[in-house]
Structure formats: structure tokens, C-alpha cells
C-alpha atoms as a PDB file:
ATOM      1  CA  MET A   1     -43.616 -27.790  37.283  1.00  0.00           C
ATOM      2  CA  ALA A   2     -41.090 -25.132  38.191  1.00  0.00           C
ATOM      3  CA  ASP A   3     -38.344 -27.360  36.811  1.00  0.00           C
ATOM      4  CA  LYS A   4     -40.139 -27.595  33.477  1.00  0.00           C
ATOM      5  CA  SER A   5     -40.379 -23.793  33.102  1.00  0.00           C
ATOM      6  CA  VAL A   6     -36.680 -23.412  33.968  1.00  0.00           C
ATOM      7  CA  ILE A   7     -35.767 -25.987  31.317  1.00  0.00           C
ATOM      8  CA  THR A   8     -38.053 -24.317  28.758  1.00  0.00           C
ATOM      9  CA  ASN A   9     -36.540 -20.941  29.574  1.00  0.00           C
ATOM     10  CA  LEU A  10     -32.982 -22.323  29.182  1.00  0.00           C
ATOM     11  CA  GLU A  11     -33.937 -24.024  25.947  1.00  0.00           C
ATOM     12  CA  ALA A  12     -35.286 -20.747  24.547  1.00  0.00           C
ATOM     13  CA  ARG A  13     -32.105 -18.913  25.559  1.00  0.00           C
ATOM     14  CA  VAL A  14     -29.883 -21.558  23.978  1.00  0.00           C
ATOM     15  CA  LYS A  15     -31.873 -21.362  20.725  1.00  0.00           C
ATOM     16  CA  GLN A  16     -31.545 -17.584  20.778  1.00  0.00           C
ATOM     17  CA  LEU A  17     -27.778 -17.855  21.339  1.00  0.00           C
ATOM     18  CA  ILE A  18     -27.432 -20.322  18.472  1.00  0.00           C
ATOM     19  CA  ASP A  19     -29.437 -18.048  16.164  1.00  0.00           C
ATOM     20  CA  ASP A  20     -27.356 -15.035  17.218  1.00  0.00           C
ATOM     21  CA  HIS A  21     -24.151 -16.994  16.609  1.00  0.00           C
ATOM     22  CA  LYS A  22     -25.241 -17.998  13.090  1.00  0.00           C
ATOM     23  CA  ARG A  23     -26.289 -14.445  12.258  1.00  0.00           C
ATOM     24  CA  LEU A  24     -23.050 -12.975  13.570  1.00  0.00           C
ATOM     25  CA  SER A  25     -20.953 -15.584  11.774  1.00  0.00           C
ATOM     26  CA  GLU A  26     -22.611 -14.678   8.468  1.00  0.00           C
ATOM     27  CA  LEU A  27     -22.103 -10.985   9.176  1.00  0.00           C
ATOM     28  CA  CYS A  28     -18.453 -11.628   9.989  1.00  0.00           C
ATOM     29  CA  SER A  29     -17.993 -13.463   6.681  1.00  0.00           C
ATOM     30  CA  GLU A  30     -19.613 -10.624   4.751  1.00  0.00           C
ATOM     31  CA  LEU A  31     -17.484  -8.017   6.489  1.00  0.00           C
ATOM     32  CA  THR A  32     -14.322 -10.039   5.888  1.00  0.00           C
ATOM     33  CA  ALA A  33     -15.103 -10.226   2.172  1.00  0.00           C
ATOM     34  CA  GLN A  34     -15.840  -6.496   2.104  1.00  0.00           C
ATOM     35  CA  ARG A  35     -12.557  -5.773   3.911  1.00  0.00           C
ATOM     36  CA  ASP A  36     -10.596  -7.845   1.404  1.00  0.00           C
ATOM     37  CA  THR A  37     -12.263  -6.038  -1.496  1.00  0.00           C
ATOM     38  CA  LEU A  38     -11.471  -2.641   0.035  1.00  0.00           C
ATOM     39  CA  ARG A  39      -7.841  -3.625   0.653  1.00  0.00           C
ATOM     40  CA  SER A  40      -7.478  -4.639  -2.970  1.00  0.00           C
ATOM     41  CA  GLU A  41      -9.049  -1.381  -4.124  1.00  0.00           C
ATOM     42  CA  LYS A  42      -6.750   0.556  -1.792  1.00  0.00           C
ATOM     43  CA  ARG A  43      -3.656  -1.131  -3.266  1.00  0.00           C
ATOM     44  CA  THR A  44      -4.869  -0.319  -6.775  1.00  0.00           C
ATOM     45  CA  LEU A  45      -5.477   3.320  -5.878  1.00  0.00           C
ATOM     46  CA  GLU A  46      -2.105   3.650  -4.140  1.00  0.00           C
ATOM     47  CA  GLU A  47      -0.389   2.310  -7.255  1.00  0.00           C
ATOM     48  CA  ARG A  48      -2.312   4.795  -9.381  1.00  0.00           C
ATOM     49  CA  VAL A  49      -1.238   7.645  -7.081  1.00  0.00           C
ATOM     50  CA  ARG A  50       2.416   6.566  -7.441  1.00  0.00           C
ATOM     51  CA  GLU A  51       2.049   6.498 -11.228  1.00  0.00           C
ATOM     52  CA  LEU A  52       0.437   9.934 -11.279  1.00  0.00           C
ATOM     53  CA  ASP A  53       3.117  11.358  -8.967  1.00  0.00           C
ATOM     54  CA  ALA A  54       5.820  10.045 -11.288  1.00  0.00           C
ATOM     55  CA  GLU A  55       4.019  11.457 -14.313  1.00  0.00           C
ATOM     56  CA  LEU A  56       3.651  14.823 -12.591  1.00  0.00           C
ATOM     57  CA  ALA A  57       7.352  14.878 -11.740  1.00  0.00           C
ATOM     58  CA  ARG A  58       8.223  14.093 -15.364  1.00  0.00           C
ATOM     59  CA  MET A  59       5.892  16.803 -16.619  1.00  0.00           C
ATOM     60  CA  GLN A  60       7.326  19.367 -14.211  1.00  0.00           C
ATOM     61  CA  LEU A  61      10.839  18.427 -15.264  1.00  0.00           C
ATOM     62  CA  THR A  62       9.924  18.715 -18.938  1.00  0.00           C
ATOM     63  CA  GLU A  63       8.189  22.024 -18.366  1.00  0.00           C
ATOM     64  CA  GLY A  64      11.109  23.315 -16.326  1.00  0.00           C
ATOM     65  CA  LEU A  65      13.661  22.331 -18.930  1.00  0.00           C
ATOM     66  CA  ALA A  66      11.629  23.987 -21.649  1.00  0.00           C
ATOM     67  CA  GLY A  67      12.269  27.259 -19.857  1.00  0.00           C
ATOM     68  CA  GLU A  68       8.639  28.270 -19.698  1.00  0.00           C
ATOM     69  CA  SER A  69       8.067  27.715 -16.014  1.00  0.00           C
ATOM     70  CA  ARG A  70       8.805  28.942 -12.547  1.00  0.00           C
ATOM     71  CA  ASN A  71       9.949  25.350 -11.865  1.00  0.00           C
ATOM     72  CA  ARG A  72      13.058  25.848 -13.955  1.00  0.00           C
ATOM     73  CA  LYS A  73      15.368  26.001 -10.919  1.00  0.00           C
ATOM     74  CA  LYS A  74      13.850  22.824  -9.493  1.00  0.00           C
ATOM     75  CA  ALA A  75      14.205  21.056 -12.823  1.00  0.00           C
ATOM     76  CA  ARG A  76      17.844  22.071 -13.195  1.00  0.00           C
ATOM     77  CA  ALA A  77      18.578  21.003  -9.620  1.00  0.00           C
ATOM     78  CA  ARG A  78      16.996  17.619 -10.267  1.00  0.00           C
ATOM     79  CA  VAL A  79      18.950  17.133 -13.497  1.00  0.00           C
ATOM     80  CA  ASN A  80      22.142  18.091 -11.685  1.00  0.00           C
ATOM     81  CA  ARG A  81      21.372  15.635  -8.885  1.00  0.00           C
ATOM     82  CA  LEU A  82      20.713  12.876 -11.415  1.00  0.00           C
ATOM     83  CA  MET A  83      23.934  13.701 -13.246  1.00  0.00           C
ATOM     84  CA  ARG A  84      25.936  13.471 -10.001  1.00  0.00           C
ATOM     85  CA  GLU A  85      24.343  10.096  -9.313  1.00  0.00           C
ATOM     86  CA  VAL A  86      25.270   8.870 -12.806  1.00  0.00           C
ATOM     87  CA  ASP A  87      28.823  10.156 -12.320  1.00  0.00           C
ATOM     88  CA  LYS A  88      29.109   8.240  -9.040  1.00  0.00           C
ATOM     89  CA  CYS A  89      27.916   5.064 -10.764  1.00  0.00           C
ATOM     90  CA  ILE A  90      30.452   5.528 -13.554  1.00  0.00           C
ATOM     91  CA  ALA A  91      33.206   6.083 -10.993  1.00  0.00           C
ATOM     92  CA  LEU A  92      32.213   2.884  -9.190  1.00  0.00           C
ATOM     93  CA  LEU A  93      32.331   0.948 -12.459  1.00  0.00           C
ATOM     94  CA  GLY A  94      35.869   2.227 -13.082  1.00  0.00           C
ATOM     95  CA  GLN A  95      37.197   0.969  -9.756  1.00  0.00           C
ATOM     96  CA  PRO A  96      38.978  -2.412  -9.699  1.00  0.00           C
ATOM     97  CA  LEU A  97      37.264  -5.166  -7.797  1.00  0.00           C
ATOM     98  CA  ALA A  98      38.776  -6.030  -4.432  1.00  0.00           C
ATOM     99  CA  VAL A  99      39.677  -9.724  -4.458  1.00  0.00           C
ATOM    100  CA  PRO A 100      40.079 -11.331  -1.007  1.00  0.00           C
ATOM    101  CA  LYS A 101      43.569 -12.750  -0.431  1.00  0.00           C
ATOM    102  CA  ALA A 102      43.846 -16.456   0.265  1.00  0.00           C
ATOM    103  CA  GLU A 103      46.230 -17.316   3.083  1.00  0.00           C
END
């Protein structure tokens, strides 16, 4: 009789473990789907932040160049930096290409 109660007890524990496993597997699937959704939303929001930062920089530059802002020095410095970069690119375009010598 003692053997029968041990077997019944083990059977009940195994059923409980199986039920817990199913429940946790479903929860894991739900959380994985939620994580994927949140990652996608995060990427979208990060892209939007980049767009807004670029728009803000353009607006500050425009405002600074219009001469109506305390950002005028920053705007002029940025334009000067961009002009130097363009000048470097033009200088690189004017240089002859180095052709490797065949021996």
C-alpha cells in the first residue's frame, strides 16, 4: 500500500511539472513576442529622434544665419567647417591618381 501512495504522489508531481512547463512555455512565447514588438518600436523611435535632431540642427543653422539668434557664432562655425570639408574634397579630386608601377 505504501508503494501505491508513493507512485500516486510521484504521478501528481509529474503532472504538476508538466502543467508548469506548458504554462511557462506559453508565457515565454508571449514575452518573446512582446520583446520583439518593443525592439521594433525602439528602432522606430530612435530613427525619429535622429530625424528630429537633424531637423533641429538645420533650424538652428537657418536661424543663426538669419542673424536673429544667439546661435549665430555656432552657425557660422558650422558653415566654415562644412566649407573646409568641401575644399578638402575638391583638393582630393584635383590630385592625380597614383597608378602602381608594373615591374
